[in-house]
Amino acid sequence: MKLFAICLILGASLMGCSSTPLSLPTCEIPAPLATVQPLLSVPEMPVEVSSTDTTATFDRDGIVQLTKLRKAALGNKEIGDLNAAALEARNEEVNQFIECSRYSKMWMEVREDMLEQERRDHTMDNLWHRGLIAVGVIAVSL
């Protein structure tokens, strides 16, 4: 009977402790936007046929060249606006990534504190069980 009680106490004290599964934080970072667009090539500025202090006169080829120049400038303005919007969206994504890393760091600190507390609790449990085993062995041997 004494041997059975000792084996029962030893068996109960050797049970492993369970730990909670590790759950890592996830950050939803949006996918990168399409690549930025290159600017259009701008044609050369036409040379005026005649000019004064306030006016310039162009021939037919010069007017065609000015029209192409204006269209390229408008296209580059539109492309520039799109690139600025893409850059602004990228900055927002980077800010989200920075915020995620801050939360991840805080989560790691909390997990580290939890692990340290778990270690202290485990040590106390081991001491408690060993004390119970010692009391049981002493009680059985008397």
Protein backbone atom coordinates (compact mmCIF):
# COMPACT_ATOMS: atom_id res chain seq x y z
CA MET A 1 0.00 0.00 0.00
CA LYS A 2 2.85 2.37 0.85
CA LEU A 3 4.51 1.66 -2.48
CA PHE A 4 1.24 2.34 -4.31
CA ALA A 5 0.84 5.71 -2.53
CA ILE A 6 4.44 6.71 -3.36
CA CYS A 7 3.98 5.74 -7.02
CA LEU A 8 0.67 7.65 -7.17
CA ILE A 9 2.24 10.80 -5.70
CA LEU A 10 5.29 10.56 -8.00
CA GLY A 11 3.10 9.98 -11.05
CA ALA A 12 0.90 12.99 -10.24
CA SER A 13 3.92 15.22 -9.74
CA LEU A 14 5.55 14.24 -13.03
CA MET A 15 2.63 15.34 -15.21
CA GLY A 16 3.78 17.88 -17.80
CA CYS A 17 2.41 21.37 -17.81
CA SER A 18 0.56 22.58 -20.84
CA SER A 19 1.38 25.80 -22.59
CA THR A 20 -0.81 28.03 -24.68
CA PRO A 21 -0.15 27.96 -28.42
CA LEU A 22 1.85 30.85 -29.80
CA SER A 23 -0.29 33.24 -31.81
CA LEU A 24 1.65 35.81 -33.78
CA PRO A 25 0.19 39.18 -34.78
CA THR A 26 -0.61 39.62 -38.42
CA CYS A 27 -0.50 42.87 -40.31
CA GLU A 28 -2.49 43.39 -43.45
CA ILE A 29 -0.19 45.45 -45.66
CA PRO A 30 -1.74 46.35 -49.02
CA ALA A 31 -0.07 45.17 -52.18
CA PRO A 32 2.10 47.71 -53.97
CA LEU A 33 0.43 49.89 -56.56
CA ALA A 34 1.28 49.82 -60.21
CA THR A 35 4.63 51.30 -61.08
CA VAL A 36 4.88 55.02 -61.55
CA GLN A 37 4.61 56.23 -65.09
CA PRO A 38 7.48 57.93 -66.90
CA LEU A 39 6.91 61.42 -68.19
CA LEU A 40 6.31 62.04 -71.87
CA SER A 41 9.10 63.41 -73.99
CA VAL A 42 8.62 67.08 -74.65
CA PRO A 43 9.26 68.40 -78.16
CA GLU A 44 11.65 71.27 -78.73
CA MET A 45 10.33 74.78 -78.33
CA PRO A 46 9.70 76.26 -81.80
CA VAL A 47 11.61 79.28 -82.96
CA GLU A 48 9.45 82.31 -83.62
CA VAL A 49 9.47 83.97 -87.00
CA SER A 50 9.32 87.45 -85.48
CA SER A 51 8.86 88.83 -82.01
CA THR A 52 8.43 92.00 -80.00
CA ASP A 53 8.63 92.64 -76.27
CA THR A 54 5.08 91.35 -75.74
CA THR A 55 4.31 89.10 -78.74
CA ALA A 56 5.79 86.28 -80.80
CA THR A 57 4.79 85.16 -84.27
CA PHE A 58 5.18 81.55 -85.44
CA ASP A 59 4.81 79.95 -88.83
CA ARG A 60 2.57 76.90 -89.44
CA ASP A 61 5.25 74.39 -88.34
CA GLY A 62 5.86 76.45 -85.20
CA ILE A 63 2.15 76.41 -84.30
CA VAL A 64 2.06 72.62 -84.80
CA GLN A 65 5.14 72.32 -82.60
CA LEU A 66 3.52 74.55 -79.91
CA THR A 67 0.39 72.38 -80.02
CA LYS A 68 2.49 69.23 -79.51
CA LEU A 69 4.32 70.96 -76.68
CA ARG A 70 1.05 71.91 -74.99
CA LYS A 71 -0.33 68.34 -75.31
CA ALA A 72 2.88 66.90 -73.84
CA ALA A 73 2.72 69.40 -70.97
CA LEU A 74 -0.91 68.48 -70.21
CA GLY A 75 -0.05 64.76 -70.41
CA ASN A 76 2.92 65.25 -68.09
CA LYS A 77 0.69 67.16 -65.65
CA GLU A 78 -1.76 64.25 -65.60
CA ILE A 79 1.04 61.70 -65.18
CA GLY A 80 2.58 63.84 -62.43
CA ASP A 81 -0.75 63.92 -60.58
CA LEU A 82 -1.06 60.13 -60.85
CA ASN A 83 2.51 59.66 -59.64
CA ALA A 84 1.88 62.01 -56.71
CA ALA A 85 -1.25 60.01 -55.77
CA ALA A 86 0.74 56.76 -56.01
CA LEU A 87 3.46 58.22 -53.81
CA GLU A 88 0.90 59.37 -51.27
CA ALA A 89 -0.66 55.88 -51.23
CA ARG A 90 2.81 54.34 -50.78
CA ASN A 91 3.48 56.69 -47.86
CA GLU A 92 0.22 55.52 -46.26
CA GLU A 93 1.29 51.89 -46.72
CA VAL A 94 4.66 52.63 -45.12
CA ASN A 95 2.91 54.34 -42.19
CA GLN A 96 0.70 51.26 -41.75
CA PHE A 97 3.79 49.05 -41.81
CA ILE A 98 5.50 51.22 -39.16
CA GLU A 99 2.38 51.08 -36.98
CA CYS A 100 2.23 47.31 -37.39
CA SER A 101 5.85 46.95 -36.32
CA ARG A 102 5.15 49.08 -33.22
CA TYR A 103 2.24 46.84 -32.28
CA SER A 104 4.36 43.79 -32.97
CA LYS A 105 7.06 45.09 -30.64
CA MET A 106 4.49 45.73 -27.89
CA TRP A 107 3.09 42.23 -28.44
CA MET A 108 6.58 40.72 -28.11
CA GLU A 109 7.13 42.59 -24.84
CA VAL A 110 3.81 41.31 -23.50
CA ARG A 111 4.67 37.75 -24.57
CA GLU A 112 8.08 38.07 -22.91
CA ASP A 113 6.41 39.16 -19.66
CA MET A 114 3.94 36.28 -19.96
CA LEU A 115 6.79 33.82 -20.51
CA GLU A 116 8.66 35.12 -17.45
CA GLN A 117 5.49 34.82 -15.37
CA GLU A 118 4.95 31.29 -16.71
CA ARG A 119 8.48 30.36 -15.68
CA ARG A 120 7.95 31.72 -12.16
CA ASP A 121 4.63 29.88 -11.88
CA HIS A 122 6.24 26.68 -13.15
CA THR A 123 9.04 26.96 -10.57
CA MET A 124 6.51 27.50 -7.80
CA ASP A 125 4.44 24.53 -9.03
CA ASN A 126 7.55 22.35 -9.03
CA LEU A 127 8.44 23.42 -5.48
CA TRP A 128 4.86 22.81 -4.37
CA HIS A 129 4.77 19.34 -5.91
CA ARG A 130 8.16 18.42 -4.48
CA GLY A 131 6.97 19.59 -1.07
CA LEU A 132 3.86 17.44 -1.41
CA ILE A 133 5.97 14.46 -2.45
CA ALA A 134 8.28 14.99 0.51
CA VAL A 135 5.30 15.25 2.89
CA GLY A 136 3.76 12.14 1.30
CA VAL A 137 6.99 10.16 1.52
CA ILE A 138 7.46 11.22 5.14
CA ALA A 139 3.84 10.36 5.95
CA VAL A 140 4.07 6.96 4.27
CA SER A 141 7.39 6.08 5.87
CA LEU A 142 6.17 6.87 9.40
